[in-house]
Amino acid sequence: MKRQRATIIVELDGRILLVENRGGLVLLPGGGVHSDESRLQAAARELSEETRLVAQSLLFLFDHESPTNRHAVFWAAASGAALAGDDATALHLFTAGDAALGERMSAASRQIIERFLDLPRDATGVPRLPASALE
């Protein structure tokens, strides 16, 4: 059975925040959903643990299946100063086309970011889900 994971996309200055784990792998912030919490609660907790940012709002974007995880992907508007915490050893800001950082990223994180970048935005820059996702 695949692990339930809450995965969070935070944009800072037009770039996507990534965490680096102890093994040097670069990922979107996130982690396992505990049995006593919702996917939304897990997203807020993991964001805080790994980046010290506080989610002001979370928007569910889509589910993503990887070989080992079932990701519930959220977009977050967050406040605070980003600092690596918990199992994150460093933070990185990713811009589309950053090949060096992309090579160090997990396949699932690359795929999720590609899907995210394809989403339409509203006038304020917030991702909008296609109508088909709402049916």
Protein backbone atom coordinates (compact mmCIF):
# COMPACT_ATOMS: atom_id res chain seq x y z
CA MET A 1 0.00 0.00 0.00
CA LYS A 2 1.31 3.43 -0.91
CA ARG A 3 2.18 5.98 1.74
CA GLN A 4 -0.22 8.93 2.05
CA ARG A 5 1.81 12.11 1.69
CA ALA A 6 0.90 15.78 1.89
CA THR A 7 3.05 17.78 -0.54
CA ILE A 8 3.16 21.57 -0.50
CA ILE A 9 4.03 24.14 -3.15
CA VAL A 10 5.08 27.54 -1.81
CA GLU A 11 6.14 30.31 -4.16
CA LEU A 12 8.57 32.92 -2.88
CA ASP A 13 9.45 35.77 -5.24
CA GLY A 14 8.12 33.76 -8.19
CA ARG A 15 10.23 30.71 -7.37
CA ILE A 16 9.20 27.39 -5.82
CA LEU A 17 10.53 26.50 -2.38
CA LEU A 18 12.27 23.11 -2.13
CA VAL A 19 13.82 21.24 0.78
CA GLU A 20 16.97 19.15 0.71
CA ASN A 21 17.00 15.98 2.79
CA ARG A 22 19.96 14.38 4.58
CA GLY A 23 20.72 12.27 1.51
CA GLY A 24 21.04 15.35 -0.71
CA LEU A 25 17.75 14.73 -2.54
CA VAL A 26 15.76 17.88 -3.30
CA LEU A 27 11.98 17.67 -2.79
CA LEU A 28 8.87 19.72 -2.38
CA PRO A 29 8.14 20.18 1.34
CA GLY A 30 5.85 17.56 2.78
CA GLY A 31 5.61 14.22 4.48
CA GLY A 32 3.43 11.46 5.73
CA VAL A 33 -0.15 11.96 6.87
CA HIS A 34 -0.63 10.75 10.46
CA SER A 35 -3.65 8.57 11.20
CA ASP A 36 -5.18 11.27 13.44
CA GLU A 37 -5.00 14.14 10.93
CA SER A 38 -6.44 15.19 7.59
CA ARG A 39 -4.30 15.73 4.50
CA LEU A 40 -4.81 19.48 4.97
CA GLN A 41 -3.61 19.32 8.59
CA ALA A 42 -0.59 17.26 7.52
CA ALA A 43 0.28 19.84 4.85
CA ALA A 44 0.23 22.70 7.39
CA ARG A 45 2.25 20.68 9.94
CA GLU A 46 4.88 19.49 7.46
CA LEU A 47 5.32 22.97 5.99
CA SER A 48 5.95 24.35 9.47
CA GLU A 49 8.29 21.53 10.50
CA GLU A 50 10.46 21.60 7.39
CA THR A 51 10.52 25.31 6.52
CA ARG A 52 9.34 27.14 9.67
CA LEU A 53 6.75 28.89 7.47
CA VAL A 54 3.16 29.22 8.66
CA ALA A 55 0.45 28.41 6.11
CA GLN A 56 -1.98 31.35 5.95
CA SER A 57 -4.09 29.44 3.44
CA LEU A 58 -3.86 26.10 1.70
CA LEU A 59 -5.51 25.22 -1.58
CA PHE A 60 -5.82 21.56 -2.62
CA LEU A 61 -4.60 21.27 -6.23
CA PHE A 62 -4.56 17.60 -7.22
CA ASP A 63 -3.59 14.06 -6.25
CA HIS A 64 -0.38 12.66 -7.72
CA GLU A 65 0.64 8.99 -7.73
CA SER A 66 4.33 8.12 -7.60
CA PRO A 67 5.78 4.61 -7.33
CA THR A 68 5.88 4.82 -3.50
CA ASN A 69 3.49 7.62 -2.47
CA ARG A 70 0.02 8.98 -3.01
CA HIS A 71 0.60 12.76 -2.85
CA ALA A 72 -2.13 15.22 -1.92
CA VAL A 73 -0.68 18.38 -3.47
CA PHE A 74 -1.48 21.76 -1.91
CA TRP A 75 -0.55 25.33 -2.83
CA ALA A 76 0.23 27.46 0.23
CA ALA A 77 0.25 31.16 0.93
CA ALA A 78 2.68 31.28 3.85
CA SER A 79 4.26 33.80 6.20
CA GLY A 80 7.44 33.90 8.23
CA ALA A 81 11.12 33.48 7.46
CA ALA A 82 11.96 30.24 5.66
CA LEU A 83 14.50 28.17 7.61
CA ALA A 84 15.37 24.49 7.16
CA GLY A 85 14.05 22.40 10.04
CA ASP A 86 13.15 18.83 11.04
CA ASP A 87 14.61 16.49 8.38
CA ALA A 88 15.39 19.30 5.91
CA THR A 89 19.10 20.20 5.84
CA ALA A 90 18.78 23.12 3.38
CA LEU A 91 16.22 25.11 1.43
CA HIS A 92 16.39 25.99 -2.27
CA LEU A 93 14.37 28.22 -4.58
CA PHE A 94 13.58 26.65 -7.94
CA THR A 95 12.94 28.49 -11.18
CA ALA A 96 11.62 26.60 -14.22
CA GLY A 97 14.59 25.70 -16.36
CA ASP A 98 17.08 25.38 -13.46
CA ALA A 99 18.70 22.20 -14.76
CA ALA A 100 21.26 21.85 -11.95
CA LEU A 101 18.60 21.85 -9.23
CA GLY A 102 16.22 19.82 -11.40
CA GLU A 103 18.78 17.00 -11.64
CA ARG A 104 18.91 16.74 -7.83
CA MET A 105 15.12 16.69 -7.52
CA SER A 106 13.01 13.59 -6.99
CA ALA A 107 11.10 12.41 -10.06
CA ALA A 108 7.80 12.92 -8.23
CA SER A 109 8.68 16.51 -7.29
CA ARG A 110 9.67 17.26 -10.91
CA GLN A 111 6.38 15.81 -12.20
CA ILE A 112 4.30 17.67 -9.59
CA ILE A 113 6.02 20.99 -10.42
CA GLU A 114 5.43 20.42 -14.15
CA ARG A 115 1.73 19.83 -13.48
CA PHE A 116 1.58 22.88 -11.20
CA LEU A 117 3.24 25.18 -13.75
CA ASP A 118 0.61 24.15 -16.32
CA LEU A 119 -2.30 25.31 -14.11
CA PRO A 120 -4.03 28.56 -15.07
CA ARG A 121 -3.83 31.47 -12.58
CA ASP A 122 -6.31 34.06 -11.46
CA ALA A 123 -5.53 37.80 -11.59
CA THR A 124 -3.72 37.62 -8.23
CA GLY A 125 -1.51 34.68 -9.26
CA VAL A 126 -3.40 32.02 -7.31
CA PRO A 127 -3.62 28.70 -9.21
CA ARG A 128 -7.05 27.92 -10.64
CA LEU A 129 -8.19 24.37 -11.13
CA PRO A 130 -9.52 23.51 -14.56
CA ALA A 131 -13.32 23.05 -14.60
CA SER A 132 -12.82 19.33 -15.30
CA ALA A 133 -11.11 18.93 -11.90
CA LEU A 134 -14.18 20.29 -10.14
CA GLU A 135 -16.66 17.81 -11.60
